């Protein structure tokens, strides 16, 4: 591991920006229609439960990353296989998020620029960042977190002043019952973005005070979930259900409708800055986790050198995972949740926690029996 430490506030900022990430650009939970905000909140509650699992594993092994404690829990051979699969999973998610943001930039601003060029420029900035280490990334997050909240507050105030919000668009609540909301939660919002916090199993060992890890993580996930629910409710109240179901970037569509005093309008730059900040941190954390895990798994002495080849792999993967954006979205909704998110975010961590719990109990019982066993020499 890198010899670095971050404080509780920096961890909070990293988790918050990570969770907001691509959730600001992709239309999440729209299948639940005007109840999407409720599905997001339910997904947040599930994400909090999952973080309890990740945190408990961290408590068993506070000084090593997930790549290392997986080998301790399941054995060296099987553990290395599981660790490698997790690194591939993180690299794949980094590529997916890179594709999301590259496509967004091409669609909104750089119409004549090839997607590969946009993604290549983004990955160059990311390589430079992750080579600097987790401390630099965390300090950058402290600065940009304030900017992101200022943009969010300004955007909300301007939407309200413009008179765009129609609460009736959020009615009736639970029009089709609770089943569609629960289904959307299980198939989407539980995993993206909240379950993706599994990547912080690679970051938690850098925390300088392990006692605040649980409180910090739960607070960050909870606040991000509330923010995303508010964003979803605003999008539906401004655009309506029919437009939301068709919109590729609903938050952008809502911001584009802002018009104050016939001169303050077309504030696309608010959307661009906020989403790029979120995407930058989401990709960076996945990217950093892959580098840190690979260096640990294969005993690389200078992890920063891995940034270039792994960055190239993520760039190529972002271009090849789908032939077009529609296929990319369909893959993310139909295939990835069941075959990737469910095992890597839920099933494997629960299994690892169960094995770690049993091993810890056996170890503790042996220690207690050794203490209670009388010393034969002292009896003689």
Protein backbone atom coordinates (compact mmCIF):
# COMPACT_ATOMS: atom_id res chain seq x y z
CA UNK A 1 0.00 0.00 0.00
CA UNK A 2 0.96 3.60 -0.58
CA UNK A 3 2.30 5.27 2.57
CA UNK A 4 -0.48 7.82 2.80
CA UNK A 5 -3.29 8.83 5.14
CA UNK A 6 -6.56 10.70 4.69
CA UNK A 7 -8.84 12.15 7.35
CA UNK A 8 -12.54 11.54 7.95
CA UNK A 9 -13.69 14.65 6.08
CA UNK A 10 -11.63 13.72 3.03
CA UNK A 11 -13.11 10.21 3.05
CA UNK A 12 -16.59 11.72 3.33
CA UNK A 13 -15.95 13.96 0.33
CA UNK A 14 -14.55 11.11 -1.77
CA UNK A 15 -17.54 8.85 -1.06
CA UNK A 16 -20.05 11.65 -1.66
CA UNK A 17 -18.53 12.75 -4.98
CA UNK A 18 -18.14 9.12 -6.02
CA UNK A 19 -21.80 8.35 -5.32
CA UNK A 20 -23.03 11.43 -7.18
CA UNK A 21 -20.72 10.66 -10.14
CA UNK A 22 -22.50 9.22 -13.14
CA UNK A 23 -25.85 9.20 -11.28
CA UNK A 24 -26.20 12.87 -12.26
CA UNK A 25 -26.10 12.19 -15.98
CA UNK A 26 -27.80 8.82 -16.50
CA UNK A 27 -31.57 8.71 -15.87
CA UNK A 28 -31.71 6.37 -12.87
CA UNK A 29 -34.89 4.65 -11.66
CA UNK A 30 -37.09 6.16 -14.40
CA UNK A 31 -38.91 2.82 -14.66
CA UNK A 32 -40.55 3.74 -11.35
CA UNK A 33 -41.85 6.89 -13.08
CA UNK A 34 -42.81 9.68 -10.64
CA UNK A 35 -41.85 7.39 -7.73
CA UNK A 36 -38.21 7.32 -8.84
CA UNK A 37 -37.20 9.42 -5.84
CA UNK A 38 -38.65 6.74 -3.54
CA UNK A 39 -36.74 4.00 -5.37
CA UNK A 40 -33.53 6.00 -4.90
CA UNK A 41 -34.16 6.31 -1.16
CA UNK A 42 -34.81 2.57 -0.88
CA UNK A 43 -31.61 1.91 -2.83
CA UNK A 44 -29.81 4.22 -0.41
CA UNK A 45 -31.08 2.15 2.56
CA UNK A 46 -29.82 -1.00 0.84
CA UNK A 47 -26.51 0.72 0.19
CA UNK A 48 -26.20 1.58 3.88
CA UNK A 49 -26.70 -2.09 4.78
CA UNK A 50 -24.06 -3.12 2.25
CA UNK A 51 -21.64 -0.58 3.70
CA UNK A 52 -22.11 -2.21 7.10
CA UNK A 53 -20.79 -5.42 5.52
CA UNK A 54 -17.79 -3.71 3.91
CA UNK A 55 -17.04 -1.90 7.16
CA UNK A 56 -17.23 -5.08 9.22
CA UNK A 57 -14.69 -6.73 6.94
CA UNK A 58 -12.52 -3.64 7.34
CA UNK A 59 -12.69 -4.00 11.14
CA UNK A 60 -11.38 -7.55 10.91
CA UNK A 61 -8.46 -6.42 8.73
CA UNK A 62 -8.00 -2.64 9.30
CA UNK A 63 -4.42 -2.40 8.04
CA UNK A 64 -4.71 -4.18 4.69
CA UNK A 65 -6.79 -3.69 1.55
CA UNK A 66 -9.51 -5.98 0.23
CA UNK A 67 -7.08 -7.62 -2.21
CA UNK A 68 -4.97 -8.79 0.73
CA UNK A 69 -7.65 -9.81 3.21
CA UNK A 70 -9.52 -11.82 0.58
CA UNK A 71 -6.43 -14.06 0.43
CA UNK A 72 -6.36 -14.36 4.21
CA UNK A 73 -10.03 -15.31 4.36
CA UNK A 74 -10.28 -17.82 1.49
CA UNK A 75 -6.70 -18.99 1.17
CA UNK A 76 -3.91 -17.80 -1.11
CA UNK A 77 -4.93 -19.61 -4.33
CA UNK A 78 -8.68 -18.91 -4.30
CA UNK A 79 -8.13 -15.48 -2.76
CA UNK A 80 -5.84 -14.37 -5.59
CA UNK A 81 -8.45 -15.44 -8.13
CA UNK A 82 -11.22 -13.51 -6.34
CA UNK A 83 -8.94 -10.48 -5.95
CA UNK A 84 -8.10 -10.52 -9.65
CA UNK A 85 -11.79 -10.73 -10.56
CA UNK A 86 -12.49 -7.69 -8.37
CA UNK A 87 -9.73 -5.73 -10.09
CA UNK A 88 -11.21 -6.60 -13.49
CA UNK A 89 -14.63 -5.58 -12.18
CA UNK A 90 -13.34 -2.18 -11.03
CA UNK A 91 -11.55 -1.65 -14.35
CA UNK A 92 -14.74 -2.49 -16.24
CA UNK A 93 -16.79 -0.03 -14.16
CA UNK A 94 -14.17 2.67 -14.71
CA UNK A 95 -14.47 2.06 -18.45
CA UNK A 96 -18.27 2.23 -18.29
CA UNK A 97 -18.23 5.56 -16.46
CA UNK A 98 -15.61 6.90 -18.88
CA UNK A 99 -17.87 5.90 -21.77
CA UNK A 100 -20.82 7.66 -20.08
CA UNK A 101 -18.98 10.93 -19.75
CA UNK A 102 -17.27 10.75 -23.13
CA UNK A 103 -20.62 10.23 -24.82
CA UNK A 104 -22.18 13.05 -22.81
CA UNK A 105 -19.46 15.51 -23.88
CA UNK A 106 -19.73 14.49 -27.53
CA UNK A 107 -23.53 14.76 -27.48
CA UNK A 108 -23.74 18.11 -25.71
CA UNK A 109 -20.65 20.11 -26.63
CA UNK A 110 -18.11 18.48 -28.95
CA UNK A 111 -20.30 17.32 -31.81
CA UNK A 112 -17.56 16.82 -34.39
CA UNK A 113 -14.93 15.35 -32.05
CA UNK A 114 -14.46 11.56 -32.13
CA UNK A 115 -15.40 9.78 -28.91
CA UNK A 116 -11.94 8.21 -28.72
CA UNK A 117 -10.27 11.63 -28.59
CA UNK A 118 -12.54 12.80 -25.76
CA UNK A 119 -11.96 9.61 -23.75
CA UNK A 120 -8.21 9.76 -24.40
CA UNK A 121 -8.01 13.34 -23.08
CA UNK A 122 -10.02 12.37 -20.01
CA UNK A 123 -7.85 9.34 -19.26
CA UNK A 124 -4.67 11.44 -19.58
CA UNK A 125 -5.91 13.75 -16.82
CA UNK A 126 -6.90 10.73 -14.72
CA UNK A 127 -3.48 9.11 -15.15
CA UNK A 128 -1.79 12.29 -13.97
CA UNK A 129 -4.10 12.43 -10.94
CA UNK A 130 -3.82 8.85 -9.71
CA UNK A 131 -0.03 8.93 -10.07
CA UNK A 132 -0.02 11.65 -7.42
CA UNK A 133 -1.65 9.33 -4.89
CA UNK A 134 -4.74 9.15 -2.72
CA UNK A 135 -3.79 12.17 -0.57
CA UNK A 136 -3.68 14.53 -3.56
CA UNK A 137 -6.97 13.12 -4.85
CA UNK A 138 -8.57 13.65 -1.43
CA UNK A 139 -7.31 17.24 -1.12
CA UNK A 140 -8.60 17.99 -4.62
CA UNK A 141 -11.95 16.62 -3.54
CA UNK A 142 -12.09 19.03 -0.61
CA UNK A 143 -11.83 21.98 -3.00
CA UNK A 144 -14.22 20.74 -5.68
CA UNK A 145 -16.82 19.54 -3.18
CA UNK A 146 -17.51 23.16 -2.19
CA UNK A 147 -17.77 24.24 -5.84
CA UNK A 148 -20.16 21.41 -6.63
CA UNK A 149 -22.49 22.33 -3.76
CA UNK A 150 -22.46 26.00 -4.75
CA UNK A 151 -23.47 25.04 -8.29
CA UNK A 152 -26.20 22.73 -6.99
CA UNK A 153 -27.61 25.39 -4.67
CA UNK A 154 -27.54 28.06 -7.39
CA UNK A 155 -29.21 25.75 -9.88
CA UNK A 156 -31.97 24.82 -7.41
CA UNK A 157 -32.67 28.47 -6.55
CA UNK A 158 -32.84 29.44 -10.22
CA UNK A 159 -35.22 26.57 -11.03
CA UNK A 160 -37.51 27.68 -8.20
CA UNK A 161 -37.34 31.36 -9.24
CA UNK A 162 -38.13 30.39 -12.85
CA UNK A 163 -41.37 28.81 -11.65
CA UNK A 164 -40.61 25.53 -13.40
CA UNK A 165 -41.56 23.18 -10.57
CA UNK A 166 -44.99 21.57 -10.80
CA UNK A 167 -45.59 19.30 -7.80
CA UNK A 168 -48.56 17.72 -9.58
CA UNK A 169 -46.08 15.90 -11.84
CA UNK A 170 -45.08 13.82 -8.79
CA UNK A 171 -48.65 12.66 -8.23
CA UNK A 172 -50.16 10.19 -7.67
CA UNK A 173 -47.61 8.61 -5.35
CA UNK A 174 -47.37 4.83 -5.78
CA UNK A 175 -49.86 4.95 -8.66
CA UNK A 176 -49.05 1.34 -9.64
CA UNK A 177 -48.30 0.14 -6.13
CA UNK A 178 -45.03 -0.55 -4.36
CA UNK A 179 -43.96 -3.45 -6.60
CA UNK A 180 -42.48 -1.35 -9.47
CA UNK A 181 -40.54 0.74 -6.94
CA UNK A 182 -39.10 -2.32 -5.20
CA UNK A 183 -38.27 -3.96 -8.53
CA UNK A 184 -36.45 -0.85 -9.73
CA UNK A 185 -34.58 -0.71 -6.42
CA UNK A 186 -33.45 -4.34 -6.65
CA UNK A 187 -32.44 -4.15 -10.31
CA UNK A 188 -30.94 -0.64 -10.41
CA UNK A 189 -30.58 1.79 -7.53
CA UNK A 190 -29.25 -0.73 -4.99
CA UNK A 191 -26.24 -1.31 -7.23
CA UNK A 192 -25.80 2.02 -9.03
CA UNK A 193 -24.63 4.11 -7.38
CA UNK A 194 -24.85 2.87 -3.78
CA UNK A 195 -23.52 -0.69 -4.03
CA UNK A 196 -20.52 0.55 -6.00
CA UNK A 197 -19.14 1.79 -2.68
CA UNK A 198 -17.59 -1.69 -2.43
CA UNK A 199 -14.56 -0.09 -4.10
CA UNK A 200 -13.88 1.78 -0.85
CA UNK A 201 -12.75 -1.49 0.68
CA UNK A 202 -9.54 -0.57 -1.14
CA UNK A 203 -9.54 2.99 0.30
CA UNK A 204 -10.57 2.52 3.95
CA UNK A 205 -7.12 1.32 5.13
CA UNK A 206 -5.76 4.79 4.30
CA UNK A 207 -8.03 6.40 6.91
CA UNK A 208 -6.01 7.87 9.76
CA UNK A 209 -8.72 7.14 12.37
CA UNK A 210 -10.46 3.77 11.82
CA UNK A 211 -13.04 4.52 14.53
CA UNK A 212 -14.82 7.09 12.36
CA UNK A 213 -14.99 4.95 9.20
CA UNK A 214 -18.54 3.68 9.75
CA UNK A 215 -20.02 7.04 10.71
CA UNK A 216 -18.29 8.79 7.81
CA UNK A 217 -19.32 6.25 5.21
CA UNK A 218 -22.95 6.07 6.32
CA UNK A 219 -23.24 9.86 6.43
CA UNK A 220 -21.76 10.25 2.93
CA UNK A 221 -23.98 7.56 1.40
CA UNK A 222 -27.05 8.94 3.19
CA UNK A 223 -26.43 12.51 2.08
CA UNK A 224 -25.72 11.50 -1.51
CA UNK A 225 -28.91 9.42 -1.57
CA UNK A 226 -31.01 12.33 -0.31
CA UNK A 227 -29.41 14.64 -2.89
CA UNK A 228 -30.08 12.22 -5.74
CA UNK A 229 -33.68 11.77 -4.60
CA UNK A 230 -34.14 15.56 -4.61
CA UNK A 231 -32.59 15.81 -8.09
CA UNK A 232 -34.93 13.08 -9.35
CA UNK A 233 -37.98 14.76 -7.83
CA UNK A 234 -36.98 18.11 -9.40
CA UNK A 235 -36.45 16.49 -12.80
CA UNK A 236 -39.91 14.87 -12.76
CA UNK A 237 -41.63 17.98 -11.39
CA UNK A 238 -40.05 20.14 -14.12
CA UNK A 239 -40.18 17.80 -17.11
CA UNK A 240 -43.10 15.50 -16.36
CA UNK A 241 -43.20 11.71 -16.64
CA UNK A 242 -43.52 11.45 -20.44
CA UNK A 243 -40.52 13.70 -21.16
CA UNK A 244 -38.44 12.03 -18.43
CA UNK A 245 -39.00 8.60 -19.94
CA UNK A 246 -37.58 9.85 -23.27
CA UNK A 247 -34.83 12.17 -22.08
CA UNK A 248 -31.21 11.04 -22.38
CA UNK A 249 -29.95 13.68 -19.91
CA UNK A 250 -32.94 14.79 -17.81
CA UNK A 251 -31.03 17.07 -15.42
CA UNK A 252 -29.59 18.98 -18.38
CA UNK A 253 -33.07 19.31 -19.89
CA UNK A 254 -34.36 20.75 -16.61
CA UNK A 255 -31.49 23.25 -16.35
CA UNK A 256 -31.93 24.34 -19.97
CA UNK A 257 -35.47 25.49 -19.13
CA UNK A 258 -34.20 28.05 -16.61
CA UNK A 259 -35.11 31.58 -17.68
CA UNK A 260 -34.89 34.50 -15.26
CA UNK A 261 -35.75 38.06 -16.34
CA UNK A 262 -35.24 37.23 -20.04
CA UNK A 263 -31.45 37.29 -19.77
CA UNK A 264 -30.36 34.49 -17.41
CA UNK A 265 -30.84 31.27 -19.36
CA UNK A 266 -29.09 28.33 -21.06
CA UNK A 267 -27.02 27.53 -17.98
CA UNK A 268 -25.62 24.33 -19.46
CA UNK A 269 -22.25 25.18 -17.93
CA UNK A 270 -23.64 24.45 -14.44
CA UNK A 271 -24.51 20.95 -15.56
CA UNK A 272 -21.21 20.41 -17.35
CA UNK A 273 -19.03 21.46 -14.42
CA UNK A 274 -20.98 19.50 -11.80
CA UNK A 275 -21.14 16.28 -13.81
CA UNK A 276 -17.49 16.41 -14.86
CA UNK A 277 -16.44 16.84 -11.22
CA UNK A 278 -18.50 13.83 -10.20
CA UNK A 279 -17.32 11.71 -13.11
CA UNK A 280 -13.70 12.66 -12.53
CA UNK A 281 -13.78 11.36 -8.95
CA UNK A 282 -15.77 8.25 -9.75
CA UNK A 283 -13.38 7.12 -12.47
CA UNK A 284 -10.34 8.17 -10.41
CA UNK A 285 -11.36 6.05 -7.42
CA UNK A 286 -12.03 2.97 -9.56
CA UNK A 287 -8.77 3.62 -11.41
CA UNK A 288 -6.79 4.05 -8.19
CA UNK A 289 -8.29 0.88 -6.70
CA UNK A 290 -7.17 -1.12 -9.73
CA UNK A 291 -3.62 0.26 -9.52
CA UNK A 292 -3.33 -0.28 -5.76
CA UNK A 293 -4.80 -3.78 -5.99
CA UNK A 294 -2.65 -4.81 -8.94
CA UNK A 295 0.53 -3.61 -7.26
CA UNK A 296 -0.38 -5.56 -4.12
CA UNK A 297 -1.42 -8.71 -5.95
CA UNK A 298 1.63 -8.89 -8.18
CA UNK A 299 4.14 -7.29 -5.76
CA UNK A 300 4.94 -4.27 -7.94
CA UNK A 301 7.41 -2.02 -6.11
CA UNK A 302 6.46 1.21 -7.92
CA UNK A 303 2.66 1.25 -8.30
CA UNK A 304 2.61 4.62 -10.09
CA UNK A 305 4.17 2.98 -13.15
CA UNK A 306 1.01 0.89 -13.55
CA UNK A 307 -1.05 4.02 -14.27
CA UNK A 308 -0.06 4.13 -17.95
CA UNK A 309 -0.81 0.50 -18.98
CA UNK A 310 -3.95 0.25 -16.85
CA UNK A 311 -5.13 3.63 -18.14
CA UNK A 312 -4.66 2.37 -21.71
CA UNK A 313 -6.65 -0.77 -20.90
CA UNK A 314 -9.52 1.30 -19.45
CA UNK A 315 -9.47 3.59 -22.52
CA UNK A 316 -9.63 0.69 -24.98
CA UNK A 317 -12.28 -1.05 -22.90
CA UNK A 318 -14.42 2.08 -22.84
CA UNK A 319 -14.48 2.05 -26.63
CA UNK A 320 -15.13 -1.68 -27.08
CA UNK A 321 -17.72 -2.55 -24.40
CA UNK A 322 -20.54 -1.47 -26.72
CA UNK A 323 -20.91 -0.53 -30.37
CA UNK A 324 -23.24 2.40 -29.61
CA UNK A 325 -24.76 4.26 -26.69
CA UNK A 326 -28.09 2.41 -26.81
CA UNK A 327 -26.30 -0.91 -26.51
CA UNK A 328 -24.17 0.52 -23.72
CA UNK A 329 -27.24 1.56 -21.69
CA UNK A 330 -29.08 -1.71 -22.36
CA UNK A 331 -26.04 -3.67 -21.20
CA UNK A 332 -25.90 -1.57 -18.04
CA UNK A 333 -29.57 -2.15 -17.25
CA UNK A 334 -30.11 -5.79 -18.24
CA UNK A 335 -26.78 -7.63 -17.93
CA UNK A 336 -24.42 -5.86 -15.53
CA UNK A 337 -26.72 -5.73 -12.45
CA UNK A 338 -27.40 -9.47 -12.32
CA UNK A 339 -24.13 -10.92 -13.57
CA UNK A 340 -21.65 -8.42 -12.10
CA UNK A 341 -23.14 -6.12 -9.46
CA UNK A 342 -25.08 -8.77 -7.56
CA UNK A 343 -22.15 -11.17 -6.99
CA UNK A 344 -19.40 -8.55 -6.49
CA UNK A 345 -21.38 -6.08 -4.38
CA UNK A 346 -23.63 -8.42 -2.39
CA UNK A 347 -22.99 -12.15 -2.56
CA UNK A 348 -19.17 -12.35 -2.32
CA UNK A 349 -18.88 -9.74 0.49
CA UNK A 350 -21.55 -11.55 2.54
CA UNK A 351 -19.76 -14.87 2.01
CA UNK A 352 -16.40 -13.34 2.93
CA UNK A 353 -17.88 -11.79 6.07
CA UNK A 354 -19.36 -15.14 7.10
CA UNK A 355 -16.04 -16.94 6.69
CA UNK A 356 -14.15 -14.14 8.47
CA UNK A 357 -16.64 -14.26 11.35
CA UNK A 358 -16.23 -18.02 11.78
CA UNK A 359 -12.44 -17.80 11.56
CA UNK A 360 -12.37 -15.00 14.10
CA UNK A 361 -14.58 -16.99 16.49
CA UNK A 362 -12.36 -20.07 16.19
CA UNK A 363 -9.24 -17.97 16.73
CA UNK A 364 -10.78 -16.26 19.76
CA UNK A 365 -11.94 -19.55 21.30
CA UNK A 366 -8.44 -21.02 20.92
CA UNK A 367 -6.96 -17.96 22.55
CA UNK A 368 -9.44 -18.18 25.44
CA UNK A 369 -8.77 -21.91 25.92
CA UNK A 370 -5.02 -21.28 26.06
CA UNK A 371 -5.54 -18.65 28.75
CA UNK A 372 -7.81 -20.90 30.82
CA UNK A 373 -5.68 -24.05 30.44
CA UNK A 374 -3.68 -24.57 33.66
CA UNK A 375 0.11 -24.65 33.46
CA UNK A 376 1.11 -28.21 34.32
CA UNK A 377 4.54 -27.09 35.49
CA UNK A 378 3.10 -24.66 37.98
CA UNK A 379 0.87 -27.44 39.39
CA UNK A 380 3.83 -29.72 39.88
